[in-house]
Amino acid sequence: MAEQRSDTPQTYQLHIVIHQDITVRIGRLGEFLFPAGLYIYTGSAKRGMNHRLARHYDKGKKCHWHIDYLLANPQSEIIRIEKCVAAECAVNANTDGIIIVPGFGASDCRSRCIGHLKYRTYLHHS
């Protein structure tokens, strides 16, 4: 098995637009209102980064991770992906935004992050 280099991206950020206010049940976390706007989700994939990112686009997948529940909603759309070399929690800590769902994407977090999904900007509709 090939050793992974330290400059290989293992962290990613999904820039997600929620086109209108939605209420979504996020697994065992419960049901939450997600206002229309821009969100940034920080995740990691130590192996299979491209497979993980491709999976995020599949609206019909079985929901396993918190982000799956949000992305399955037809009002959600990934508009950009950034890959990072820095650790997931460090990238998340340096991302501005508001935590709407405590614990979202942070079930296995060892850095005591409140959540890995941040709400950035409200979308104004005309």
C-alpha atoms as a PDB file:
ATOM      1  CA  MET A   1       0.000   0.000   0.000  1.00  0.00           C
ATOM      2  CA  ALA A   2       1.362   3.410  -0.968  1.00  0.00           C
ATOM      3  CA  GLU A   3       2.141   5.806   1.849  1.00  0.00           C
ATOM      4  CA  GLN A   4       0.137   9.023   1.676  1.00  0.00           C
ATOM      5  CA  ARG A   5       2.229  12.184   1.380  1.00  0.00           C
ATOM      6  CA  SER A   6       1.638  14.956   3.894  1.00  0.00           C
ATOM      7  CA  ASP A   7       0.849  17.433   1.098  1.00  0.00           C
ATOM      8  CA  THR A   8      -2.036  15.314  -0.205  1.00  0.00           C
ATOM      9  CA  PRO A   9      -5.404  16.991   0.412  1.00  0.00           C
ATOM     10  CA  GLN A  10      -7.433  15.055   2.976  1.00  0.00           C
ATOM     11  CA  THR A  11      -9.888  17.801   3.877  1.00  0.00           C
ATOM     12  CA  TYR A  12     -12.538  19.368   1.702  1.00  0.00           C
ATOM     13  CA  GLN A  13     -15.136  22.086   1.939  1.00  0.00           C
ATOM     14  CA  LEU A  14     -18.459  21.949   0.151  1.00  0.00           C
ATOM     15  CA  HIS A  15     -19.976  25.337  -0.637  1.00  0.00           C
ATOM     16  CA  ILE A  16     -23.705  24.667  -0.641  1.00  0.00           C
ATOM     17  CA  VAL A  17     -26.625  26.887  -1.573  1.00  0.00           C
ATOM     18  CA  ILE A  18     -30.016  26.211  -0.046  1.00  0.00           C
ATOM     19  CA  HIS A  19     -32.398  27.890  -2.484  1.00  0.00           C
ATOM     20  CA  GLN A  20     -35.323  28.338  -0.093  1.00  0.00           C
ATOM     21  CA  ASP A  21     -35.962  27.725   3.600  1.00  0.00           C
ATOM     22  CA  ILE A  22     -36.239  23.995   4.293  1.00  0.00           C
ATOM     23  CA  THR A  23     -36.797  21.751   7.284  1.00  0.00           C
ATOM     24  CA  VAL A  24     -34.725  18.566   7.240  1.00  0.00           C
ATOM     25  CA  ARG A  25     -34.410  15.660   9.651  1.00  0.00           C
ATOM     26  CA  ILE A  26     -30.684  15.100  10.154  1.00  0.00           C
ATOM     27  CA  GLY A  27     -30.497  11.486  11.303  1.00  0.00           C
ATOM     28  CA  ARG A  28     -30.518  11.166  15.091  1.00  0.00           C
ATOM     29  CA  LEU A  29     -29.768  14.865  15.569  1.00  0.00           C
ATOM     30  CA  GLY A  30     -33.406  15.667  14.812  1.00  0.00           C
ATOM     31  CA  GLU A  31     -35.307  18.099  12.614  1.00  0.00           C
ATOM     32  CA  PHE A  32     -33.911  21.556  11.831  1.00  0.00           C
ATOM     33  CA  LEU A  33     -34.836  24.634   9.840  1.00  0.00           C
ATOM     34  CA  PHE A  34     -32.184  25.630   7.305  1.00  0.00           C
ATOM     35  CA  PRO A  35     -32.745  29.188   6.070  1.00  0.00           C
ATOM     36  CA  ALA A  36     -32.062  29.838   2.399  1.00  0.00           C
ATOM     37  CA  GLY A  37     -28.454  30.855   1.930  1.00  0.00           C
ATOM     38  CA  LEU A  38     -24.847  29.809   1.589  1.00  0.00           C
ATOM     39  CA  TYR A  39     -23.397  27.075   3.800  1.00  0.00           C
ATOM     40  CA  ILE A  40     -19.913  25.623   4.072  1.00  0.00           C
ATOM     41  CA  TYR A  41     -19.464  22.023   5.153  1.00  0.00           C
ATOM     42  CA  THR A  42     -15.990  20.837   6.151  1.00  0.00           C
ATOM     43  CA  GLY A  43     -15.261  17.126   5.821  1.00  0.00           C
ATOM     44  CA  SER A  44     -12.365  14.768   5.304  1.00  0.00           C
ATOM     45  CA  ALA A  45     -11.472  11.703   3.305  1.00  0.00           C
ATOM     46  CA  LYS A  46      -8.136  10.119   4.103  1.00  0.00           C
ATOM     47  CA  ARG A  47      -8.700   7.688   1.239  1.00  0.00           C
ATOM     48  CA  GLY A  48     -10.961   7.902  -1.753  1.00  0.00           C
ATOM     49  CA  MET A  49     -11.382  11.692  -1.865  1.00  0.00           C
ATOM     50  CA  ASN A  50     -12.738  11.690  -5.429  1.00  0.00           C
ATOM     51  CA  HIS A  51     -15.217   8.906  -4.629  1.00  0.00           C
ATOM     52  CA  ARG A  52     -16.408  10.759  -1.516  1.00  0.00           C
ATOM     53  CA  LEU A  53     -16.901  14.005  -3.435  1.00  0.00           C
ATOM     54  CA  ALA A  54     -18.756  12.251  -6.264  1.00  0.00           C
ATOM     55  CA  ARG A  55     -21.029  10.608  -3.671  1.00  0.00           C
ATOM     56  CA  HIS A  56     -22.031  14.021  -2.326  1.00  0.00           C
ATOM     57  CA  TYR A  57     -23.630  14.846  -5.695  1.00  0.00           C
ATOM     58  CA  ASP A  58     -25.830  11.710  -5.690  1.00  0.00           C
ATOM     59  CA  LYS A  59     -29.319  12.799  -4.549  1.00  0.00           C
ATOM     60  CA  GLY A  60     -30.558   9.184  -4.412  1.00  0.00           C
ATOM     61  CA  LYS A  61     -27.917   7.707  -2.120  1.00  0.00           C
ATOM     62  CA  LYS A  62     -28.709   6.067   1.199  1.00  0.00           C
ATOM     63  CA  CYS A  63     -28.197   8.651   3.935  1.00  0.00           C
ATOM     64  CA  HIS A  64     -25.297   7.712   6.195  1.00  0.00           C
ATOM     65  CA  TRP A  65     -23.545  10.954   7.203  1.00  0.00           C
ATOM     66  CA  HIS A  66     -25.250  14.125   8.422  1.00  0.00           C
ATOM     67  CA  ILE A  67     -24.388  15.938   5.194  1.00  0.00           C
ATOM     68  CA  ASP A  68     -26.218  13.238   3.185  1.00  0.00           C
ATOM     69  CA  TYR A  69     -29.563  14.278   4.693  1.00  0.00           C
ATOM     70  CA  LEU A  70     -29.065  17.917   3.743  1.00  0.00           C
ATOM     71  CA  LEU A  71     -27.761  17.208   0.250  1.00  0.00           C
ATOM     72  CA  ALA A  72     -30.652  14.814  -0.503  1.00  0.00           C
ATOM     73  CA  ASN A  73     -33.055  17.764  -0.365  1.00  0.00           C
ATOM     74  CA  PRO A  74     -33.867  19.137  -3.837  1.00  0.00           C
ATOM     75  CA  GLN A  75     -33.366  22.721  -2.563  1.00  0.00           C
ATOM     76  CA  SER A  76     -29.667  22.051  -1.813  1.00  0.00           C
ATOM     77  CA  GLU A  77     -26.958  22.490  -4.421  1.00  0.00           C
ATOM     78  CA  ILE A  78     -23.184  22.133  -4.186  1.00  0.00           C
ATOM     79  CA  ILE A  79     -21.758  25.136  -6.027  1.00  0.00           C
ATOM     80  CA  ARG A  80     -18.047  24.738  -5.264  1.00  0.00           C
ATOM     81  CA  ILE A  81     -15.586  22.331  -3.676  1.00  0.00           C
ATOM     82  CA  GLU A  82     -12.252  23.257  -2.133  1.00  0.00           C
ATOM     83  CA  LYS A  83      -9.626  20.678  -1.186  1.00  0.00           C
ATOM     84  CA  CYS A  84      -7.215  21.421   1.662  1.00  0.00           C
ATOM     85  CA  VAL A  85      -4.087  19.862   3.103  1.00  0.00           C
ATOM     86  CA  ALA A  86      -4.725  21.180   6.637  1.00  0.00           C
ATOM     87  CA  ALA A  87      -6.611  19.036   9.147  1.00  0.00           C
ATOM     88  CA  GLU A  88     -10.422  19.052   9.048  1.00  0.00           C
ATOM     89  CA  CYS A  89     -10.948  20.742  12.420  1.00  0.00           C
ATOM     90  CA  ALA A  90      -8.304  23.409  11.723  1.00  0.00           C
ATOM     91  CA  VAL A  91      -9.971  24.285   8.416  1.00  0.00           C
ATOM     92  CA  ASN A  92     -13.377  24.327  10.107  1.00  0.00           C
ATOM     93  CA  ALA A  93     -12.106  26.582  12.922  1.00  0.00           C
ATOM     94  CA  ASN A  94     -10.853  29.098  10.343  1.00  0.00           C
ATOM     95  CA  THR A  95     -14.175  29.190   8.479  1.00  0.00           C
ATOM     96  CA  ASP A  96     -16.558  32.016   9.329  1.00  0.00           C
ATOM     97  CA  GLY A  97     -20.223  31.289   9.844  1.00  0.00           C
ATOM     98  CA  ILE A  98     -22.949  30.361  12.274  1.00  0.00           C
ATOM     99  CA  ILE A  99     -23.581  26.847  13.571  1.00  0.00           C
ATOM    100  CA  ILE A 100     -27.275  26.087  13.057  1.00  0.00           C
ATOM    101  CA  VAL A 101     -27.087  22.394  13.975  1.00  0.00           C
ATOM    102  CA  PRO A 102     -24.754  21.589  16.891  1.00  0.00           C
ATOM    103  CA  GLY A 103     -22.933  18.329  16.242  1.00  0.00           C
ATOM    104  CA  PHE A 104     -23.528  18.368  12.466  1.00  0.00           C
ATOM    105  CA  GLY A 105     -20.617  16.522  10.848  1.00  0.00           C
ATOM    106  CA  ALA A 106     -18.715  16.439  14.131  1.00  0.00           C
ATOM    107  CA  SER A 107     -19.713  13.058  15.582  1.00  0.00           C
ATOM    108  CA  ASP A 108     -16.120  11.822  15.515  1.00  0.00           C
ATOM    109  CA  CYS A 109     -14.519  15.218  16.176  1.00  0.00           C
ATOM    110  CA  ARG A 110     -11.658  15.127  18.659  1.00  0.00           C
ATOM    111  CA  SER A 111     -11.163  18.906  18.679  1.00  0.00           C
ATOM    112  CA  ARG A 112     -14.510  19.690  20.307  1.00  0.00           C
ATOM    113  CA  CYS A 113     -15.867  21.515  17.281  1.00  0.00           C
ATOM    114  CA  ILE A 114     -19.475  22.568  17.768  1.00  0.00           C
ATOM    115  CA  GLY A 115     -20.283  21.547  14.199  1.00  0.00           C
ATOM    116  CA  HIS A 116     -18.776  21.270  10.738  1.00  0.00           C
ATOM    117  CA  LEU A 117     -21.587  22.986   8.824  1.00  0.00           C
ATOM    118  CA  LYS A 118     -21.587  26.773   8.901  1.00  0.00           C
ATOM    119  CA  TYR A 119     -24.270  29.120   7.671  1.00  0.00           C
ATOM    120  CA  ARG A 120     -22.712  32.078   5.888  1.00  0.00           C
ATOM    121  CA  THR A 121     -25.185  34.282   4.024  1.00  0.00           C
ATOM    122  CA  TYR A 122     -28.919  34.663   3.736  1.00  0.00           C
ATOM    123  CA  LEU A 123     -30.323  34.624   0.188  1.00  0.00           C
ATOM    124  CA  HIS A 124     -32.635  37.524  -0.531  1.00  0.00           C
ATOM    125  CA  HIS A 125     -35.417  36.681  -2.957  1.00  0.00           C
ATOM    126  CA  SER A 126     -36.974  39.334  -5.178  1.00  0.00           C
END
